[in-house]
PDB file of N, CA and C in Angstrom:
ATOM      1  N   UNK A   1     -12.221  18.283  48.815  1.00  0.00           N
ATOM      2  CA  UNK A   1     -12.939  18.715  49.993  1.00  0.00           C
ATOM      3  C   UNK A   1     -12.615  20.265  50.198  1.00  0.00           C
ATOM      4  N   UNK A   2     -13.612  20.979  50.563  1.00  0.00           N
ATOM      5  CA  UNK A   2     -13.396  22.410  50.859  1.00  0.00           C
ATOM      6  C   UNK A   2     -13.933  22.724  52.187  1.00  0.00           C
ATOM      7  N   UNK A   3     -13.402  23.818  52.727  1.00  0.00           N
ATOM      8  CA  UNK A   3     -13.949  24.395  54.016  1.00  0.00           C
ATOM      9  C   UNK A   3     -14.378  25.856  53.637  1.00  0.00           C
ATOM     10  N   UNK A   4     -15.043  26.494  54.510  1.00  0.00           N
ATOM     11  CA  UNK A   4     -15.492  27.821  54.312  1.00  0.00           C
ATOM     12  C   UNK A   4     -15.116  28.675  55.590  1.00  0.00           C
ATOM     13  N   UNK A   5     -14.456  29.754  55.285  1.00  0.00           N
ATOM     14  CA  UNK A   5     -14.095  30.713  56.358  1.00  0.00           C
ATOM     15  C   UNK A   5     -14.976  31.970  56.227  1.00  0.00           C
ATOM     16  N   UNK A   6     -15.382  32.489  57.367  1.00  0.00           N
ATOM     17  CA  UNK A   6     -16.270  33.695  57.394  1.00  0.00           C
ATOM     18  C   UNK A   6     -15.493  34.811  58.084  1.00  0.00           C
ATOM     19  N   UNK A   7     -15.460  35.933  57.457  1.00  0.00           N
ATOM     20  CA  UNK A   7     -14.800  37.120  58.094  1.00  0.00           C
ATOM     21  C   UNK A   7     -15.687  38.298  58.009  1.00  0.00           C
ATOM     22  N   UNK A   8     -15.447  39.222  58.958  1.00  0.00           N
ATOM     23  CA  UNK A   8     -16.172  40.476  58.920  1.00  0.00           C
ATOM     24  C   UNK A   8     -15.087  41.536  58.737  1.00  0.00           C
ATOM     25  N   UNK A   9     -15.230  42.381  57.734  1.00  0.00           N
ATOM     26  CA  UNK A   9     -14.199  43.296  57.271  1.00  0.00           C
ATOM     27  C   UNK A   9     -14.761  44.694  57.377  1.00  0.00           C
ATOM     28  N   UNK A  10     -13.894  45.612  57.874  1.00  0.00           N
ATOM     29  CA  UNK A  10     -14.215  47.059  57.916  1.00  0.00           C
ATOM     30  C   UNK A  10     -13.362  47.772  56.930  1.00  0.00           C
ATOM     31  N   UNK A  11     -13.817  48.872  56.430  1.00  0.00           N
ATOM     32  CA  UNK A  11     -13.081  49.734  55.566  1.00  0.00           C
ATOM     33  C   UNK A  11     -13.435  49.748  54.103  1.00  0.00           C
ATOM     34  N   UNK A  12     -14.334  48.842  53.709  1.00  0.00           N
ATOM     35  CA  UNK A  12     -14.836  48.834  52.371  1.00  0.00           C
ATOM     36  C   UNK A  12     -15.904  49.943  52.278  1.00  0.00           C
ATOM     37  N   UNK A  13     -15.750  50.706  51.169  1.00  0.00           N
ATOM     38  CA  UNK A  13     -16.760  51.849  50.980  1.00  0.00           C
ATOM     39  C   UNK A  13     -17.522  51.819  49.683  1.00  0.00           C
ATOM     40  N   UNK A  14     -17.090  50.968  48.789  1.00  0.00           N
ATOM     41  CA  UNK A  14     -17.771  51.051  47.404  1.00  0.00           C
ATOM     42  C   UNK A  14     -17.561  49.628  46.760  1.00  0.00           C
ATOM     43  N   UNK A  15     -18.238  49.578  45.588  1.00  0.00           N
ATOM     44  CA  UNK A  15     -18.131  48.306  44.794  1.00  0.00           C
ATOM     45  C   UNK A  15     -16.686  48.065  44.378  1.00  0.00           C
ATOM     46  N   UNK A  16     -15.910  49.123  44.141  1.00  0.00           N
ATOM     47  CA  UNK A  16     -14.564  48.834  43.792  1.00  0.00           C
ATOM     48  C   UNK A  16     -13.757  48.142  44.879  1.00  0.00           C
ATOM     49  N   UNK A  17     -14.042  48.477  46.123  1.00  0.00           N
ATOM     50  CA  UNK A  17     -13.420  47.803  47.265  1.00  0.00           C
ATOM     51  C   UNK A  17     -13.705  46.241  47.239  1.00  0.00           C
ATOM     52  N   UNK A  18     -15.019  46.021  47.046  1.00  0.00           N
ATOM     53  CA  UNK A  18     -15.559  44.660  46.951  1.00  0.00           C
ATOM     54  C   UNK A  18     -14.823  43.923  45.840  1.00  0.00           C
ATOM     55  N   UNK A  19     -14.695  44.439  44.686  1.00  0.00           N
ATOM     56  CA  UNK A  19     -14.052  43.806  43.523  1.00  0.00           C
ATOM     57  C   UNK A  19     -12.659  43.584  43.826  1.00  0.00           C
ATOM     58  N   UNK A  20     -11.896  44.463  44.374  1.00  0.00           N
ATOM     59  CA  UNK A  20     -10.434  44.423  44.641  1.00  0.00           C
ATOM     60  C   UNK A  20     -10.273  43.279  45.731  1.00  0.00           C
ATOM     61  N   UNK A  21     -11.024  43.335  46.775  1.00  0.00           N
ATOM     62  CA  UNK A  21     -10.837  42.359  47.797  1.00  0.00           C
ATOM     63  C   UNK A  21     -11.195  40.914  47.308  1.00  0.00           C
ATOM     64  N   UNK A  22     -12.236  40.801  46.539  1.00  0.00           N
ATOM     65  CA  UNK A  22     -12.585  39.498  45.975  1.00  0.00           C
ATOM     66  C   UNK A  22     -11.412  38.971  45.137  1.00  0.00           C
ATOM     67  N   UNK A  23     -10.880  39.791  44.245  1.00  0.00           N
ATOM     68  CA  UNK A  23      -9.805  39.400  43.415  1.00  0.00           C
ATOM     69  C   UNK A  23      -8.562  39.035  44.225  1.00  0.00           C
ATOM     70  N   UNK A  24      -8.263  39.757  45.216  1.00  0.00           N
ATOM     71  CA  UNK A  24      -7.027  39.495  46.060  1.00  0.00           C
ATOM     72  C   UNK A  24      -7.210  38.131  46.718  1.00  0.00           C
ATOM     73  N   UNK A  25      -8.451  37.896  47.286  1.00  0.00           N
ATOM     74  CA  UNK A  25      -8.617  36.632  47.981  1.00  0.00           C
ATOM     75  C   UNK A  25      -8.565  35.388  46.988  1.00  0.00           C
ATOM     76  N   UNK A  26      -9.126  35.613  45.831  1.00  0.00           N
ATOM     77  CA  UNK A  26      -9.271  34.511  44.876  1.00  0.00           C
ATOM     78  C   UNK A  26      -7.822  34.250  44.267  1.00  0.00           C
ATOM     79  N   UNK A  27      -6.932  35.143  44.441  1.00  0.00           N
ATOM     80  CA  UNK A  27      -5.574  34.964  43.875  1.00  0.00           C
ATOM     81  C   UNK A  27      -4.682  34.118  44.838  1.00  0.00           C
ATOM     82  N   UNK A  28      -5.231  33.885  46.040  1.00  0.00           N
ATOM     83  CA  UNK A  28      -4.475  33.130  47.014  1.00  0.00           C
ATOM     84  C   UNK A  28      -4.555  31.639  46.598  1.00  0.00           C
ATOM     85  N   UNK A  29      -3.404  30.990  46.465  1.00  0.00           N
ATOM     86  CA  UNK A  29      -3.445  29.592  46.037  1.00  0.00           C
ATOM     87  C   UNK A  29      -4.254  28.786  47.039  1.00  0.00           C
ATOM     88  N   UNK A  30      -5.136  27.904  46.555  1.00  0.00           N
ATOM     89  CA  UNK A  30      -6.038  27.067  47.389  1.00  0.00           C
ATOM     90  C   UNK A  30      -7.440  27.636  47.582  1.00  0.00           C
ATOM     91  N   UNK A  31      -7.592  28.959  47.233  1.00  0.00           N
ATOM     92  CA  UNK A  31      -8.903  29.487  47.388  1.00  0.00           C
ATOM     93  C   UNK A  31      -9.655  29.197  46.104  1.00  0.00           C
ATOM     94  N   UNK A  32     -10.869  28.677  46.292  1.00  0.00           N
ATOM     95  CA  UNK A  32     -11.819  28.333  45.197  1.00  0.00           C
ATOM     96  C   UNK A  32     -12.632  29.570  44.824  1.00  0.00           C
ATOM     97  N   UNK A  33     -13.313  30.181  45.815  1.00  0.00           N
ATOM     98  CA  UNK A  33     -14.182  31.308  45.522  1.00  0.00           C
ATOM     99  C   UNK A  33     -14.217  32.191  46.802  1.00  0.00           C
ATOM    100  N   UNK A  34     -14.426  33.493  46.576  1.00  0.00           N
ATOM    101  CA  UNK A  34     -14.601  34.353  47.687  1.00  0.00           C
ATOM    102  C   UNK A  34     -15.853  35.218  47.353  1.00  0.00           C
ATOM    103  N   UNK A  35     -16.731  35.329  48.326  1.00  0.00           N
ATOM    104  CA  UNK A  35     -17.887  36.131  48.230  1.00  0.00           C
ATOM    105  C   UNK A  35     -17.774  37.291  49.191  1.00  0.00           C
ATOM    106  N   UNK A  36     -17.885  38.558  48.665  1.00  0.00           N
ATOM    107  CA  UNK A  36     -17.632  39.788  49.459  1.00  0.00           C
ATOM    108  C   UNK A  36     -18.893  40.569  49.308  1.00  0.00           C
ATOM    109  N   UNK A  37     -19.462  40.932  50.479  1.00  0.00           N
ATOM    110  CA  UNK A  37     -20.642  41.807  50.551  1.00  0.00           C
ATOM    111  C   UNK A  37     -20.387  43.102  51.176  1.00  0.00           C
ATOM    112  N   UNK A  38     -20.587  44.215  50.516  1.00  0.00           N
ATOM    113  CA  UNK A  38     -20.254  45.551  51.003  1.00  0.00           C
ATOM    114  C   UNK A  38     -20.964  45.859  52.337  1.00  0.00           C
ATOM    115  N   UNK A  39     -22.283  45.626  52.340  1.00  0.00           N
ATOM    116  CA  UNK A  39     -23.144  45.898  53.481  1.00  0.00           C
ATOM    117  C   UNK A  39     -22.795  44.859  54.590  1.00  0.00           C
ATOM    118  N   UNK A  40     -22.309  45.386  55.691  1.00  0.00           N
ATOM    119  CA  UNK A  40     -21.949  44.523  56.828  1.00  0.00           C
ATOM    120  C   UNK A  40     -20.543  43.988  56.748  1.00  0.00           C
ATOM    121  N   UNK A  41     -19.829  44.145  55.546  1.00  0.00           N
ATOM    122  CA  UNK A  41     -18.575  43.726  55.458  1.00  0.00           C
ATOM    123  C   UNK A  41     -18.355  42.230  55.569  1.00  0.00           C
ATOM    124  N   UNK A  42     -19.329  41.502  55.042  1.00  0.00           N
ATOM    125  CA  UNK A  42     -19.330  40.022  55.159  1.00  0.00           C
ATOM    126  C   UNK A  42     -18.541  39.398  54.054  1.00  0.00           C
ATOM    127  N   UNK A  43     -17.590  38.479  54.461  1.00  0.00           N
ATOM    128  CA  UNK A  43     -16.743  37.783  53.432  1.00  0.00           C
ATOM    129  C   UNK A  43     -16.776  36.323  53.757  1.00  0.00           C
ATOM    130  N   UNK A  44     -17.064  35.510  52.767  1.00  0.00           N
ATOM    131  CA  UNK A  44     -17.047  34.034  52.752  1.00  0.00           C
ATOM    132  C   UNK A  44     -15.996  33.525  51.863  1.00  0.00           C
ATOM    133  N   UNK A  45     -15.111  32.733  52.369  1.00  0.00           N
ATOM    134  CA  UNK A  45     -14.072  32.179  51.439  1.00  0.00           C
ATOM    135  C   UNK A  45     -14.170  30.631  51.469  1.00  0.00           C
ATOM    136  N   UNK A  46     -14.349  30.042  50.236  1.00  0.00           N
ATOM    137  CA  UNK A  46     -14.306  28.625  50.127  1.00  0.00           C
ATOM    138  C   UNK A  46     -12.879  28.222  49.709  1.00  0.00           C
ATOM    139  N   UNK A  47     -12.279  27.265  50.508  1.00  0.00           N
ATOM    140  CA  UNK A  47     -10.839  26.977  50.203  1.00  0.00           C
ATOM    141  C   UNK A  47     -10.545  25.482  50.448  1.00  0.00           C
ATOM    142  N   UNK A  48      -9.387  25.096  49.976  1.00  0.00           N
ATOM    143  CA  UNK A  48      -8.925  23.758  50.068  1.00  0.00           C
ATOM    144  C   UNK A  48      -8.020  23.757  51.337  1.00  0.00           C
ATOM    145  N   UNK A  49      -8.377  23.131  52.438  1.00  0.00           N
ATOM    146  CA  UNK A  49      -7.539  23.253  53.711  1.00  0.00           C
ATOM    147  C   UNK A  49      -6.224  22.514  53.570  1.00  0.00           C
ATOM    148  N   UNK A  50      -6.019  21.675  52.510  1.00  0.00           N
ATOM    149  CA  UNK A  50      -4.738  21.048  52.396  1.00  0.00           C
ATOM    150  C   UNK A  50      -3.727  22.079  51.712  1.00  0.00           C
ATOM    151  N   UNK A  51      -4.249  23.117  51.123  1.00  0.00           N
ATOM    152  CA  UNK A  51      -3.351  24.020  50.411  1.00  0.00           C
ATOM    153  C   UNK A  51      -3.212  25.432  51.096  1.00  0.00           C
ATOM    154  N   UNK A  52      -4.152  25.847  51.881  1.00  0.00           N
ATOM    155  CA  UNK A  52      -4.099  27.139  52.525  1.00  0.00           C
ATOM    156  C   UNK A  52      -4.819  27.129  53.863  1.00  0.00           C
ATOM    157  N   UNK A  53      -4.212  27.961  54.843  1.00  0.00           N
ATOM    158  CA  UNK A  53      -4.833  28.144  56.150  1.00  0.00           C
ATOM    159  C   UNK A  53      -5.561  29.411  56.227  1.00  0.00           C
ATOM    160  N   UNK A  54      -6.627  29.471  57.064  1.00  0.00           N
ATOM    161  CA  UNK A  54      -7.368  30.773  57.168  1.00  0.00           C
ATOM    162  C   UNK A  54      -6.603  31.956  57.626  1.00  0.00           C
ATOM    163  N   UNK A  55      -5.477  31.795  58.223  1.00  0.00           N
ATOM    164  CA  UNK A  55      -4.680  32.989  58.578  1.00  0.00           C
ATOM    165  C   UNK A  55      -4.215  33.739  57.362  1.00  0.00           C
ATOM    166  N   UNK A  56      -4.077  33.094  56.241  1.00  0.00           N
ATOM    167  CA  UNK A  56      -3.739  33.764  54.937  1.00  0.00           C
ATOM    168  C   UNK A  56      -4.776  34.731  54.557  1.00  0.00           C
ATOM    169  N   UNK A  57      -6.068  34.486  54.926  1.00  0.00           N
ATOM    170  CA  UNK A  57      -7.151  35.423  54.451  1.00  0.00           C
ATOM    171  C   UNK A  57      -6.990  36.717  55.205  1.00  0.00           C
ATOM    172  N   UNK A  58      -6.749  36.600  56.507  1.00  0.00           N
ATOM    173  CA  UNK A  58      -6.582  37.828  57.318  1.00  0.00           C
ATOM    174  C   UNK A  58      -5.438  38.666  56.746  1.00  0.00           C
ATOM    175  N   UNK A  59      -4.346  38.028  56.494  1.00  0.00           N
ATOM    176  CA  UNK A  59      -3.168  38.704  55.874  1.00  0.00           C
ATOM    177  C   UNK A  59      -3.525  39.423  54.540  1.00  0.00           C
ATOM    178  N   UNK A  60      -4.223  38.609  53.652  1.00  0.00           N
ATOM    179  CA  UNK A  60      -4.575  39.177  52.389  1.00  0.00           C
ATOM    180  C   UNK A  60      -5.482  40.412  52.521  1.00  0.00           C
ATOM    181  N   UNK A  61      -6.479  40.354  53.398  1.00  0.00           N
ATOM    182  CA  UNK A  61      -7.428  41.430  53.657  1.00  0.00           C
ATOM    183  C   UNK A  61      -6.668  42.662  54.058  1.00  0.00           C
ATOM    184  N   UNK A  62      -5.736  42.450  55.011  1.00  0.00           N
ATOM    185  CA  UNK A  62      -4.991  43.577  55.601  1.00  0.00           C
ATOM    186  C   UNK A  62      -4.041  44.154  54.545  1.00  0.00           C
ATOM    187  N   UNK A  63      -3.397  43.357  53.696  1.00  0.00           N
ATOM    188  CA  UNK A  63      -2.497  43.813  52.621  1.00  0.00           C
ATOM    189  C   UNK A  63      -3.390  44.599  51.581  1.00  0.00           C
ATOM    190  N   UNK A  64      -4.659  44.283  51.470  1.00  0.00           N
ATOM    191  CA  UNK A  64      -5.524  45.042  50.563  1.00  0.00           C
ATOM    192  C   UNK A  64      -6.000  46.321  51.178  1.00  0.00           C
ATOM    193  N   UNK A  65      -5.682  46.612  52.368  1.00  0.00           N
ATOM    194  CA  UNK A  65      -5.952  47.908  53.028  1.00  0.00           C
ATOM    195  C   UNK A  65      -7.202  47.890  53.851  1.00  0.00           C
ATOM    196  N   UNK A  66      -7.757  46.698  54.311  1.00  0.00           N
ATOM    197  CA  UNK A  66      -8.946  46.610  55.032  1.00  0.00           C
ATOM    198  C   UNK A  66      -8.568  46.003  56.395  1.00  0.00           C
ATOM    199  N   UNK A  67      -9.598  46.026  57.327  1.00  0.00           N
ATOM    200  CA  UNK A  67      -9.346  45.448  58.670  1.00  0.00           C
ATOM    201  C   UNK A  67     -10.326  44.298  58.883  1.00  0.00           C
ATOM    202  N   UNK A  68      -9.806  43.158  59.422  1.00  0.00           N
ATOM    203  CA  UNK A  68     -10.609  42.028  59.791  1.00  0.00           C
ATOM    204  C   UNK A  68     -11.002  42.315  61.284  1.00  0.00           C
ATOM    205  N   UNK A  69     -12.347  42.448  61.543  1.00  0.00           N
ATOM    206  CA  UNK A  69     -12.791  42.662  62.876  1.00  0.00           C
ATOM    207  C   UNK A  69     -13.313  41.431  63.538  1.00  0.00           C
ATOM    208  N   UNK A  70     -13.601  40.385  62.751  1.00  0.00           N
ATOM    209  CA  UNK A  70     -14.070  39.104  63.297  1.00  0.00           C
ATOM    210  C   UNK A  70     -13.791  38.050  62.256  1.00  0.00           C
ATOM    211  N   UNK A  71     -13.517  36.826  62.755  1.00  0.00           N
ATOM    212  CA  UNK A  71     -13.388  35.655  61.807  1.00  0.00           C
ATOM    213  C   UNK A  71     -13.826  34.391  62.612  1.00  0.00           C
ATOM    214  N   UNK A  72     -14.321  33.483  61.799  1.00  0.00           N
ATOM    215  CA  UNK A  72     -14.658  32.196  62.445  1.00  0.00           C
ATOM    216  C   UNK A  72     -14.638  31.107  61.334  1.00  0.00           C
TER     217      UNK A  72
END
């Protein structure tokens, strides 16, 4: 069973930012996939809720050097 978290992220300026953030999120145990879109800073994370909580995604984004401006 998977859930999906949606984040809006600021601070991404290029394809390299997208690639780095996607890799950082997908390295979190319990994350199945992360889709990161530069335009609008939209991030969707599919994850196993028995292994990881959405708060971990905010922390990962911030550790990667970006800001979460909205999540749901």
